[in-house]
Amino acid sequence: MASSGQGSRGHPRSRGRTWSRTGPDRATLAVVGVICAVAGFFVLGIVLGPVAIVCGRLAMGRSWAGSRPVPAVVALVLGIIDTVLAVLGLIGAATPGYGMF
């Protein structure tokens, strides 16, 4: 009989295979972040920019050191640019005159 995480042969599961499979993985979060950042340049940048930042940060993992996936960094940088441009657009629209554009 198998009990307490051991298979029928009596060998415990390896440490690399015990992760939770219910949450989204990092590659998916990075791609979602890039899509939100690119879409944010056209519509709802004030909303999609921070979403891209959060997705990019979660996809990068816990540390800034070491190798990071390129889509995660792209999502983070584009999300920051997108958010800054949206805030500048709102500031320009709120001031009297012609606005930003």
PDB file of N, CA and C in Angstrom:
ATOM      1  N   MET A   1       0.822  -1.171   0.000  1.00  0.00           N
ATOM      2  CA  MET A   1       0.000   0.000   0.000  1.00  0.00           C
ATOM      3  C   MET A   1       0.871   1.241   0.000  1.00  0.00           C
ATOM      4  N   ALA A   2       0.381   2.237  -0.666  1.00  0.00           N
ATOM      5  CA  ALA A   2       1.087   3.512  -0.700  1.00  0.00           C
ATOM      6  C   ALA A   2       0.562   4.407   0.402  1.00  0.00           C
ATOM      7  N   SER A   3       1.485   5.021   1.140  1.00  0.00           N
ATOM      8  CA  SER A   3       1.064   5.919   2.203  1.00  0.00           C
ATOM      9  C   SER A   3       2.079   7.037   2.365  1.00  0.00           C
ATOM     10  N   SER A   4       1.616   8.157   2.847  1.00  0.00           N
ATOM     11  CA  SER A   4       2.422   9.335   3.157  1.00  0.00           C
ATOM     12  C   SER A   4       3.375   9.732   2.033  1.00  0.00           C
ATOM     13  N   GLY A   5       2.849   9.797   0.801  1.00  0.00           N
ATOM     14  CA  GLY A   5       3.630  10.313  -0.311  1.00  0.00           C
ATOM     15  C   GLY A   5       4.569   9.320  -0.955  1.00  0.00           C
ATOM     16  N   GLN A   6       4.476   8.055  -0.609  1.00  0.00           N
ATOM     17  CA  GLN A   6       5.363   7.064  -1.202  1.00  0.00           C
ATOM     18  C   GLN A   6       4.599   6.232  -2.212  1.00  0.00           C
ATOM     19  N   GLY A   7       5.285   5.882  -3.288  1.00  0.00           N
ATOM     20  CA  GLY A   7       4.667   5.087  -4.332  1.00  0.00           C
ATOM     21  C   GLY A   7       4.590   3.619  -3.953  1.00  0.00           C
ATOM     22  N   SER A   8       4.139   2.805  -4.878  1.00  0.00           N
ATOM     23  CA  SER A   8       3.964   1.390  -4.592  1.00  0.00           C
ATOM     24  C   SER A   8       5.290   0.660  -4.446  1.00  0.00           C
ATOM     25  N   ARG A   9       6.385   1.234  -4.987  1.00  0.00           N
ATOM     26  CA  ARG A   9       7.689   0.589  -4.864  1.00  0.00           C
ATOM     27  C   ARG A   9       8.425   0.995  -3.602  1.00  0.00           C
ATOM     28  N   GLY A  10       7.874   1.916  -2.824  1.00  0.00           N
ATOM     29  CA  GLY A  10       8.502   2.303  -1.571  1.00  0.00           C
ATOM     30  C   GLY A  10       9.499   3.443  -1.712  1.00  0.00           C
ATOM     31  N   HIS A  11       9.595   4.070  -2.875  1.00  0.00           N
ATOM     32  CA  HIS A  11      10.516   5.179  -3.055  1.00  0.00           C
ATOM     33  C   HIS A  11       9.761   6.491  -2.860  1.00  0.00           C
ATOM     34  N   PRO A  12      10.329   7.406  -2.069  1.00  0.00           N
ATOM     35  CA  PRO A  12       9.655   8.699  -1.921  1.00  0.00           C
ATOM     36  C   PRO A  12       9.752   9.509  -3.210  1.00  0.00           C
ATOM     37  N   ARG A  13       8.809  10.394  -3.373  1.00  0.00           N
ATOM     38  CA  ARG A  13       8.826  11.251  -4.563  1.00  0.00           C
ATOM     39  C   ARG A  13      10.029  12.180  -4.510  1.00  0.00           C
ATOM     40  N   SER A  14      10.538  12.527  -5.680  1.00  0.00           N
ATOM     41  CA  SER A  14      11.678  13.436  -5.720  1.00  0.00           C
ATOM     42  C   SER A  14      11.220  14.841  -5.350  1.00  0.00           C
ATOM     43  N   ARG A  15      12.153  15.655  -4.864  1.00  0.00           N
ATOM     44  CA  ARG A  15      11.818  17.000  -4.428  1.00  0.00           C
ATOM     45  C   ARG A  15      11.381  17.883  -5.590  1.00  0.00           C
ATOM     46  N   GLY A  16      11.864  17.659  -6.779  1.00  0.00           N
ATOM     47  CA  GLY A  16      11.534  18.488  -7.915  1.00  0.00           C
ATOM     48  C   GLY A  16      10.118  18.298  -8.418  1.00  0.00           C
ATOM     49  N   ARG A  17       9.453  17.275  -7.993  1.00  0.00           N
ATOM     50  CA  ARG A  17       8.112  16.992  -8.506  1.00  0.00           C
ATOM     51  C   ARG A  17       7.020  17.257  -7.483  1.00  0.00           C
ATOM     52  N   THR A  18       7.330  17.958  -6.414  1.00  0.00           N
ATOM     53  CA  THR A  18       6.331  18.162  -5.366  1.00  0.00           C
ATOM     54  C   THR A  18       5.716  19.553  -5.386  1.00  0.00           C
ATOM     55  N   TRP A  19       5.891  20.333  -6.448  1.00  0.00           N
ATOM     56  CA  TRP A  19       5.337  21.677  -6.499  1.00  0.00           C
ATOM     57  C   TRP A  19       3.826  21.638  -6.685  1.00  0.00           C
ATOM     58  N   SER A  20       3.206  22.773  -6.395  1.00  0.00           N
ATOM     59  CA  SER A  20       1.771  22.891  -6.580  1.00  0.00           C
ATOM     60  C   SER A  20       1.465  23.099  -8.053  1.00  0.00           C
ATOM     61  N   ARG A  21       0.556  22.358  -8.589  1.00  0.00           N
ATOM     62  CA  ARG A  21       0.225  22.459  -9.998  1.00  0.00           C
ATOM     63  C   ARG A  21      -1.052  23.248 -10.239  1.00  0.00           C
ATOM     64  N   THR A  22      -1.558  23.924  -9.218  1.00  0.00           N
ATOM     65  CA  THR A  22      -2.825  24.613  -9.375  1.00  0.00           C
ATOM     66  C   THR A  22      -2.666  26.045  -9.855  1.00  0.00           C
ATOM     67  N   GLY A  23      -1.583  26.737  -9.523  1.00  0.00           N
ATOM     68  CA  GLY A  23      -1.410  28.133  -9.893  1.00  0.00           C
ATOM     69  C   GLY A  23      -0.805  28.295 -11.276  1.00  0.00           C
ATOM     70  N   PRO A  24      -0.894  29.511 -11.821  1.00  0.00           N
ATOM     71  CA  PRO A  24      -0.298  29.756 -13.137  1.00  0.00           C
ATOM     72  C   PRO A  24       1.222  29.724 -13.046  1.00  0.00           C
ATOM     73  N   ASP A  25       1.864  29.190 -14.041  1.00  0.00           N
ATOM     74  CA  ASP A  25       3.316  29.140 -13.995  1.00  0.00           C
ATOM     75  C   ASP A  25       3.904  30.470 -14.437  1.00  0.00           C
ATOM     76  N   ARG A  26       5.206  30.612 -14.295  1.00  0.00           N
ATOM     77  CA  ARG A  26       5.863  31.894 -14.528  1.00  0.00           C
ATOM     78  C   ARG A  26       5.857  32.297 -15.990  1.00  0.00           C
ATOM     79  N   ALA A  27       5.983  31.355 -16.891  1.00  0.00           N
ATOM     80  CA  ALA A  27       5.999  31.694 -18.314  1.00  0.00           C
ATOM     81  C   ALA A  27       4.653  32.268 -18.744  1.00  0.00           C
ATOM     82  N   THR A  28       3.584  31.704 -18.224  1.00  0.00           N
ATOM     83  CA  THR A  28       2.253  32.201 -18.559  1.00  0.00           C
ATOM     84  C   THR A  28       2.055  33.611 -18.014  1.00  0.00           C
ATOM     85  N   LEU A  29       2.512  33.855 -16.794  1.00  0.00           N
ATOM     86  CA  LEU A  29       2.401  35.195 -16.223  1.00  0.00           C
ATOM     87  C   LEU A  29       3.199  36.210 -17.021  1.00  0.00           C
ATOM     88  N   ALA A  30       4.363  35.812 -17.508  1.00  0.00           N
ATOM     89  CA  ALA A  30       5.178  36.729 -18.307  1.00  0.00           C
ATOM     90  C   ALA A  30       4.489  37.076 -19.616  1.00  0.00           C
ATOM     91  N   VAL A  31       3.909  36.092 -20.269  1.00  0.00           N
ATOM     92  CA  VAL A  31       3.218  36.345 -21.538  1.00  0.00           C
ATOM     93  C   VAL A  31       1.983  37.209 -21.307  1.00  0.00           C
ATOM     94  N   VAL A  32       1.238  36.947 -20.252  1.00  0.00           N
ATOM     95  CA  VAL A  32       0.072  37.770 -19.925  1.00  0.00           C
ATOM     96  C   VAL A  32       0.508  39.200 -19.640  1.00  0.00           C
ATOM     97  N   GLY A  33       1.625  39.369 -18.951  1.00  0.00           N
ATOM     98  CA  GLY A  33       2.138  40.706 -18.669  1.00  0.00           C
ATOM     99  C   GLY A  33       2.529  41.459 -19.926  1.00  0.00           C
ATOM    100  N   VAL A  34       3.182  40.780 -20.868  1.00  0.00           N
ATOM    101  CA  VAL A  34       3.568  41.425 -22.124  1.00  0.00           C
ATOM    102  C   VAL A  34       2.329  41.823 -22.917  1.00  0.00           C
ATOM    103  N   ILE A  35       1.345  40.951 -22.974  1.00  0.00           N
ATOM    104  CA  ILE A  35       0.107  41.261 -23.704  1.00  0.00           C
ATOM    105  C   ILE A  35      -0.608  42.451 -23.068  1.00  0.00           C
ATOM    106  N   CYS A  36      -0.682  42.487 -21.749  1.00  0.00           N
ATOM    107  CA  CYS A  36      -1.323  43.614 -21.073  1.00  0.00           C
ATOM    108  C   CYS A  36      -0.557  44.910 -21.313  1.00  0.00           C
ATOM    109  N   ALA A  37       0.768  44.847 -21.320  1.00  0.00           N
ATOM    110  CA  ALA A  37       1.577  46.050 -21.537  1.00  0.00           C
ATOM    111  C   ALA A  37       1.386  46.589 -22.948  1.00  0.00           C
ATOM    112  N   VAL A  38       1.387  45.720 -23.932  1.00  0.00           N
ATOM    113  CA  VAL A  38       1.213  46.166 -25.317  1.00  0.00           C
ATOM    114  C   VAL A  38      -0.199  46.699 -25.524  1.00  0.00           C
ATOM    115  N   ALA A  39      -1.189  46.027 -24.979  1.00  0.00           N
ATOM    116  CA  ALA A  39      -2.569  46.501 -25.117  1.00  0.00           C
ATOM    117  C   ALA A  39      -2.772  47.816 -24.371  1.00  0.00           C
ATOM    118  N   GLY A  40      -2.029  48.009 -23.291  1.00  0.00           N
ATOM    119  CA  GLY A  40      -2.146  49.233 -22.510  1.00  0.00           C
ATOM    120  C   GLY A  40      -1.678  50.471 -23.245  1.00  0.00           C
ATOM    121  N   PHE A  41      -0.830  50.309 -24.255  1.00  0.00           N
ATOM    122  CA  PHE A  41      -0.422  51.468 -25.042  1.00  0.00           C
ATOM    123  C   PHE A  41      -1.576  52.017 -25.868  1.00  0.00           C
ATOM    124  N   PHE A  42      -2.560  51.200 -26.140  1.00  0.00           N
ATOM    125  CA  PHE A  42      -3.683  51.602 -26.986  1.00  0.00           C
ATOM    126  C   PHE A  42      -4.946  51.918 -26.194  1.00  0.00           C
ATOM    127  N   VAL A  43      -5.266  51.116 -25.180  1.00  0.00           N
ATOM    128  CA  VAL A  43      -6.474  51.335 -24.377  1.00  0.00           C
ATOM    129  C   VAL A  43      -6.171  51.072 -22.901  1.00  0.00           C
ATOM    130  N   LEU A  44      -6.773  51.842 -22.024  1.00  0.00           N
ATOM    131  CA  LEU A  44      -6.729  51.637 -20.574  1.00  0.00           C
ATOM    132  C   LEU A  44      -5.316  51.432 -20.024  1.00  0.00           C
ATOM    133  N   GLY A  45      -4.405  52.299 -20.390  1.00  0.00           N
ATOM    134  CA  GLY A  45      -3.023  52.183 -19.925  1.00  0.00           C
ATOM    135  C   GLY A  45      -2.885  52.319 -18.427  1.00  0.00           C
ATOM    136  N   ILE A  46      -3.773  53.097 -17.803  1.00  0.00           N
ATOM    137  CA  ILE A  46      -3.707  53.303 -16.364  1.00  0.00           C
ATOM    138  C   ILE A  46      -4.076  52.032 -15.603  1.00  0.00           C
ATOM    139  N   VAL A  47      -4.804  51.125 -16.238  1.00  0.00           N
ATOM    140  CA  VAL A  47      -5.185  49.858 -15.610  1.00  0.00           C
ATOM    141  C   VAL A  47      -4.248  48.732 -16.041  1.00  0.00           C
ATOM    142  N   LEU A  48      -4.000  48.634 -17.337  1.00  0.00           N
ATOM    143  CA  LEU A  48      -3.213  47.522 -17.855  1.00  0.00           C
ATOM    144  C   LEU A  48      -1.721  47.662 -17.566  1.00  0.00           C
ATOM    145  N   GLY A  49      -1.234  48.874 -17.382  1.00  0.00           N
ATOM    146  CA  GLY A  49       0.177  49.067 -17.032  1.00  0.00           C
ATOM    147  C   GLY A  49       0.528  48.437 -15.695  1.00  0.00           C
ATOM    148  N   PRO A  50      -0.194  48.767 -14.616  1.00  0.00           N
ATOM    149  CA  PRO A  50       0.087  48.115 -13.338  1.00  0.00           C
ATOM    150  C   PRO A  50      -0.142  46.597 -13.359  1.00  0.00           C
ATOM    151  N   VAL A  51      -1.119  46.135 -14.148  1.00  0.00           N
ATOM    152  CA  VAL A  51      -1.323  44.684 -14.264  1.00  0.00           C
ATOM    153  C   VAL A  51      -0.086  44.034 -14.888  1.00  0.00           C
ATOM    154  N   ALA A  52       0.481  44.678 -15.902  1.00  0.00           N
ATOM    155  CA  ALA A  52       1.689  44.163 -16.536  1.00  0.00           C
ATOM    156  C   ALA A  52       2.867  44.179 -15.572  1.00  0.00           C
ATOM    157  N   ILE A  53       2.953  45.212 -14.743  1.00  0.00           N
ATOM    158  CA  ILE A  53       4.036  45.283 -13.756  1.00  0.00           C
ATOM    159  C   ILE A  53       3.923  44.140 -12.754  1.00  0.00           C
ATOM    160  N   VAL A  54       2.731  43.902 -12.263  1.00  0.00           N
ATOM    161  CA  VAL A  54       2.524  42.834 -11.279  1.00  0.00           C
ATOM    162  C   VAL A  54       2.812  41.464 -11.901  1.00  0.00           C
ATOM    163  N   CYS A  55       2.314  41.237 -13.107  1.00  0.00           N
ATOM    164  CA  CYS A  55       2.556  39.950 -13.766  1.00  0.00           C
ATOM    165  C   CYS A  55       4.038  39.742 -14.052  1.00  0.00           C
ATOM    166  N   GLY A  56       4.716  40.791 -14.501  1.00  0.00           N
ATOM    167  CA  GLY A  56       6.147  40.686 -14.761  1.00  0.00           C
ATOM    168  C   GLY A  56       6.944  40.421 -13.502  1.00  0.00           C
ATOM    169  N   ARG A  57       6.566  41.077 -12.414  1.00  0.00           N
ATOM    170  CA  ARG A  57       7.271  40.872 -11.146  1.00  0.00           C
ATOM    171  C   ARG A  57       7.040  39.467 -10.596  1.00  0.00           C
ATOM    172  N   LEU A  58       5.811  38.985 -10.692  1.00  0.00           N
ATOM    173  CA  LEU A  58       5.531  37.624 -10.232  1.00  0.00           C
ATOM    174  C   LEU A  58       6.225  36.582 -11.102  1.00  0.00           C
ATOM    175  N   ALA A  59       6.344  36.860 -12.391  1.00  0.00           N
ATOM    176  CA  ALA A  59       7.004  35.913 -13.286  1.00  0.00           C
ATOM    177  C   ALA A  59       8.506  35.873 -13.065  1.00  0.00           C
ATOM    178  N   MET A  60       9.078  36.962 -12.540  1.00  0.00           N
ATOM    179  CA  MET A  60      10.517  36.989 -12.297  1.00  0.00           C
ATOM    180  C   MET A  60      10.907  36.179 -11.076  1.00  0.00           C
ATOM    181  N   GLY A  61       9.996  35.907 -10.217  1.00  0.00           N
ATOM    182  CA  GLY A  61      10.330  35.140  -9.022  1.00  0.00           C
ATOM    183  C   GLY A  61      10.630  36.045  -7.847  1.00  0.00           C
ATOM    184  N   ARG A  62      11.300  35.503  -6.853  1.00  0.00           N
ATOM    185  CA  ARG A  62      11.545  36.240  -5.618  1.00  0.00           C
ATOM    186  C   ARG A  62      12.804  37.096  -5.650  1.00  0.00           C
ATOM    187  N   SER A  63      13.793  36.748  -6.449  1.00  0.00           N
ATOM    188  CA  SER A  63      15.058  37.474  -6.402  1.00  0.00           C
ATOM    189  C   SER A  63      15.307  38.245  -7.690  1.00  0.00           C
ATOM    190  N   TRP A  64      16.055  39.332  -7.566  1.00  0.00           N
ATOM    191  CA  TRP A  64      16.451  40.115  -8.736  1.00  0.00           C
ATOM    192  C   TRP A  64      17.744  39.583  -9.329  1.00  0.00           C
ATOM    193  N   ALA A  65      18.517  38.824  -8.561  1.00  0.00           N
ATOM    194  CA  ALA A  65      19.794  38.297  -9.042  1.00  0.00           C
ATOM    195  C   ALA A  65      19.565  36.998  -9.810  1.00  0.00           C
ATOM    196  N   GLY A  66      20.528  36.661 -10.639  1.00  0.00           N
ATOM    197  CA  GLY A  66      20.439  35.414 -11.398  1.00  0.00           C
ATOM    198  C   GLY A  66      19.764  35.623 -12.740  1.00  0.00           C
ATOM    199  N   SER A  67      19.514  34.534 -13.421  1.00  0.00           N
ATOM    200  CA  SER A  67      18.899  34.638 -14.746  1.00  0.00           C
ATOM    201  C   SER A  67      17.392  34.798 -14.600  1.00  0.00           C
ATOM    202  N   ARG A  68      16.864  35.733 -15.367  1.00  0.00           N
ATOM    203  CA  ARG A  68      15.427  35.981 -15.367  1.00  0.00           C
ATOM    204  C   ARG A  68      14.907  35.754 -16.769  1.00  0.00           C
ATOM    205  N   PRO A  69      13.691  35.302 -16.886  1.00  0.00           N
ATOM    206  CA  PRO A  69      13.124  35.129 -18.230  1.00  0.00           C
ATOM    207  C   PRO A  69      12.929  36.482 -18.904  1.00  0.00           C
ATOM    208  N   VAL A  70      13.267  36.547 -20.168  1.00  0.00           N
ATOM    209  CA  VAL A  70      13.198  37.797 -20.919  1.00  0.00           C
ATOM    210  C   VAL A  70      11.775  38.345 -20.993  1.00  0.00           C
ATOM    211  N   PRO A  71      10.741  37.534 -21.249  1.00  0.00           N
ATOM    212  CA  PRO A  71       9.384  38.112 -21.289  1.00  0.00           C
ATOM    213  C   PRO A  71       8.961  38.766 -19.977  1.00  0.00           C
ATOM    214  N   ALA A  72       9.448  38.266 -18.855  1.00  0.00           N
ATOM    215  CA  ALA A  72       9.100  38.874 -17.571  1.00  0.00           C
ATOM    216  C   ALA A  72       9.698  40.267 -17.442  1.00  0.00           C
ATOM    217  N   VAL A  73      10.942  40.425 -17.859  1.00  0.00           N
ATOM    218  CA  VAL A  73      11.593  41.734 -17.807  1.00  0.00           C
ATOM    219  C   VAL A  73      10.926  42.691 -18.794  1.00  0.00           C
ATOM    220  N   VAL A  74      10.584  42.190 -19.982  1.00  0.00           N
ATOM    221  CA  VAL A  74       9.901  43.017 -20.984  1.00  0.00           C
ATOM    222  C   VAL A  74       8.553  43.484 -20.447  1.00  0.00           C
ATOM    223  N   ALA A  75       7.810  42.585 -19.808  1.00  0.00           N
ATOM    224  CA  ALA A  75       6.509  42.952 -19.236  1.00  0.00           C
ATOM    225  C   ALA A  75       6.668  44.008 -18.157  1.00  0.00           C
ATOM    226  N   LEU A  76       7.683  43.859 -17.322  1.00  0.00           N
ATOM    227  CA  LEU A  76       7.910  44.818 -16.247  1.00  0.00           C
ATOM    228  C   LEU A  76       8.273  46.195 -16.807  1.00  0.00           C
ATOM    229  N   VAL A  77       9.197  46.242 -17.746  1.00  0.00           N
ATOM    230  CA  VAL A  77       9.646  47.526 -18.306  1.00  0.00           C
ATOM    231  C   VAL A  77       8.533  48.198 -19.107  1.00  0.00           C
ATOM    232  N   LEU A  78       7.857  47.443 -19.965  1.00  0.00           N
ATOM    233  CA  LEU A  78       6.765  48.030 -20.747  1.00  0.00           C
ATOM    234  C   LEU A  78       5.606  48.467 -19.854  1.00  0.00           C
ATOM    235  N   GLY A  79       5.356  47.731 -18.788  1.00  0.00           N
ATOM    236  CA  GLY A  79       4.309  48.126 -17.846  1.00  0.00           C
ATOM    237  C   GLY A  79       4.636  49.440 -17.150  1.00  0.00           C
ATOM    238  N   ILE A  80       5.907  49.628 -16.797  1.00  0.00           N
ATOM    239  CA  ILE A  80       6.322  50.889 -16.170  1.00  0.00           C
ATOM    240  C   ILE A  80       6.179  52.039 -17.157  1.00  0.00           C
ATOM    241  N   ILE A  81       6.649  51.837 -18.390  1.00  0.00           N
ATOM    242  CA  ILE A  81       6.532  52.883 -19.413  1.00  0.00           C
ATOM    243  C   ILE A  81       5.066  53.206 -19.681  1.00  0.00           C
ATOM    244  N   ASP A  82       4.260  52.169 -19.776  1.00  0.00           N
ATOM    245  CA  ASP A  82       2.832  52.338 -20.039  1.00  0.00           C
ATOM    246  C   ASP A  82       2.154  53.135 -18.926  1.00  0.00           C
ATOM    247  N   THR A  83       2.478  52.815 -17.685  1.00  0.00           N
ATOM    248  CA  THR A  83       1.877  53.510 -16.549  1.00  0.00           C
ATOM    249  C   THR A  83       2.311  54.971 -16.505  1.00  0.00           C
ATOM    250  N   VAL A  84       3.596  55.222 -16.747  1.00  0.00           N
ATOM    251  CA  VAL A  84       4.095  56.596 -16.729  1.00  0.00           C
ATOM    252  C   VAL A  84       3.422  57.424 -17.828  1.00  0.00           C
ATOM    253  N   LEU A  85       3.307  56.864 -19.020  1.00  0.00           N
ATOM    254  CA  LEU A  85       2.652  57.591 -20.111  1.00  0.00           C
ATOM    255  C   LEU A  85       1.177  57.856 -19.817  1.00  0.00           C
ATOM    256  N   ALA A  86       0.506  56.899 -19.203  1.00  0.00           N
ATOM    257  CA  ALA A  86      -0.905  57.096 -18.866  1.00  0.00           C
ATOM    258  C   ALA A  86      -1.075  58.187 -17.814  1.00  0.00           C
ATOM    259  N   VAL A  87      -0.186  58.199 -16.816  1.00  0.00           N
ATOM    260  CA  VAL A  87      -0.258  59.234 -15.780  1.00  0.00           C
ATOM    261  C   VAL A  87       0.045  60.605 -16.383  1.00  0.00           C
ATOM    262  N   LEU A  88       1.050  60.682 -17.256  1.00  0.00           N
ATOM    263  CA  LEU A  88       1.354  61.952 -17.918  1.00  0.00           C
ATOM    264  C   LEU A  88       0.190  62.416 -18.788  1.00  0.00           C
ATOM    265  N   GLY A  89      -0.480  61.495 -19.436  1.00  0.00           N
ATOM    266  CA  GLY A  89      -1.655  61.844 -20.234  1.00  0.00           C
ATOM    267  C   GLY A  89      -2.784  62.373 -19.381  1.00  0.00           C
ATOM    268  N   LEU A  90      -2.979  61.771 -18.224  1.00  0.00           N
ATOM    269  CA  LEU A  90      -4.021  62.269 -17.314  1.00  0.00           C
ATOM    270  C   LEU A  90      -3.667  63.636 -16.753  1.00  0.00           C
ATOM    271  N   ILE A  91      -2.396  63.848 -16.441  1.00  0.00           N
ATOM    272  CA  ILE A  91      -1.969  65.158 -15.940  1.00  0.00           C
ATOM    273  C   ILE A  91      -2.132  66.204 -17.024  1.00  0.00           C
ATOM    274  N   GLY A  92      -1.766  65.844 -18.257  1.00  0.00           N
ATOM    275  CA  GLY A  92      -1.902  66.785 -19.360  1.00  0.00           C
ATOM    276  C   GLY A  92      -3.350  67.085 -19.676  1.00  0.00           C
ATOM    277  N   ALA A  93      -4.227  66.122 -19.510  1.00  0.00           N
ATOM    278  CA  ALA A  93      -5.644  66.359 -19.776  1.00  0.00           C
ATOM    279  C   ALA A  93      -6.294  67.181 -18.680  1.00  0.00           C
ATOM    280  N   ALA A  94      -5.728  67.177 -17.476  1.00  0.00           N
ATOM    281  CA  ALA A  94      -6.319  67.899 -16.368  1.00  0.00           C
ATOM    282  C   ALA A  94      -5.886  69.362 -16.335  1.00  0.00           C
ATOM    283  N   THR A  95      -4.790  69.683 -17.007  1.00  0.00           N
ATOM    284  CA  THR A  95      -4.314  71.072 -16.985  1.00  0.00           C
ATOM    285  C   THR A  95      -5.055  71.885 -18.050  1.00  0.00           C
ATOM    286  N   PRO A  96      -5.214  73.167 -17.819  1.00  0.00           N
ATOM    287  CA  PRO A  96      -5.861  73.993 -18.847  1.00  0.00           C
ATOM    288  C   PRO A  96      -4.949  74.160 -20.050  1.00  0.00           C
ATOM    289  N   GLY A  97      -5.530  74.218 -21.193  1.00  0.00           N
ATOM    290  CA  GLY A  97      -4.750  74.357 -22.417  1.00  0.00           C
ATOM    291  C   GLY A  97      -5.055  73.215 -23.363  1.00  0.00           C
ATOM    292  N   TYR A  98      -4.074  72.837 -24.132  1.00  0.00           N
ATOM    293  CA  TYR A  98      -4.277  71.821 -25.159  1.00  0.00           C
ATOM    294  C   TYR A  98      -4.056  70.401 -24.649  1.00  0.00           C
ATOM    295  N   GLY A  99      -3.494  70.205 -23.492  1.00  0.00           N
ATOM    296  CA  GLY A  99      -3.222  68.862 -22.992  1.00  0.00           C
ATOM    297  C   GLY A  99      -1.920  68.324 -23.549  1.00  0.00           C
ATOM    298  N   MET A 100      -1.764  67.048 -23.474  1.00  0.00           N
ATOM    299  CA  MET A 100      -0.514  66.434 -23.904  1.00  0.00           C
ATOM    300  C   MET A 100      -0.430  66.314 -25.411  1.00  0.00           C
ATOM    301  N   PHE A 101      -1.560  66.073 -26.067  1.00  0.00           N
ATOM    302  CA  PHE A 101      -1.513  65.859 -27.518  1.00  0.00           C
ATOM    303  C   PHE A 101      -2.203  66.970 -28.244  1.00  0.00           C
TER     304      PHE A 101
END
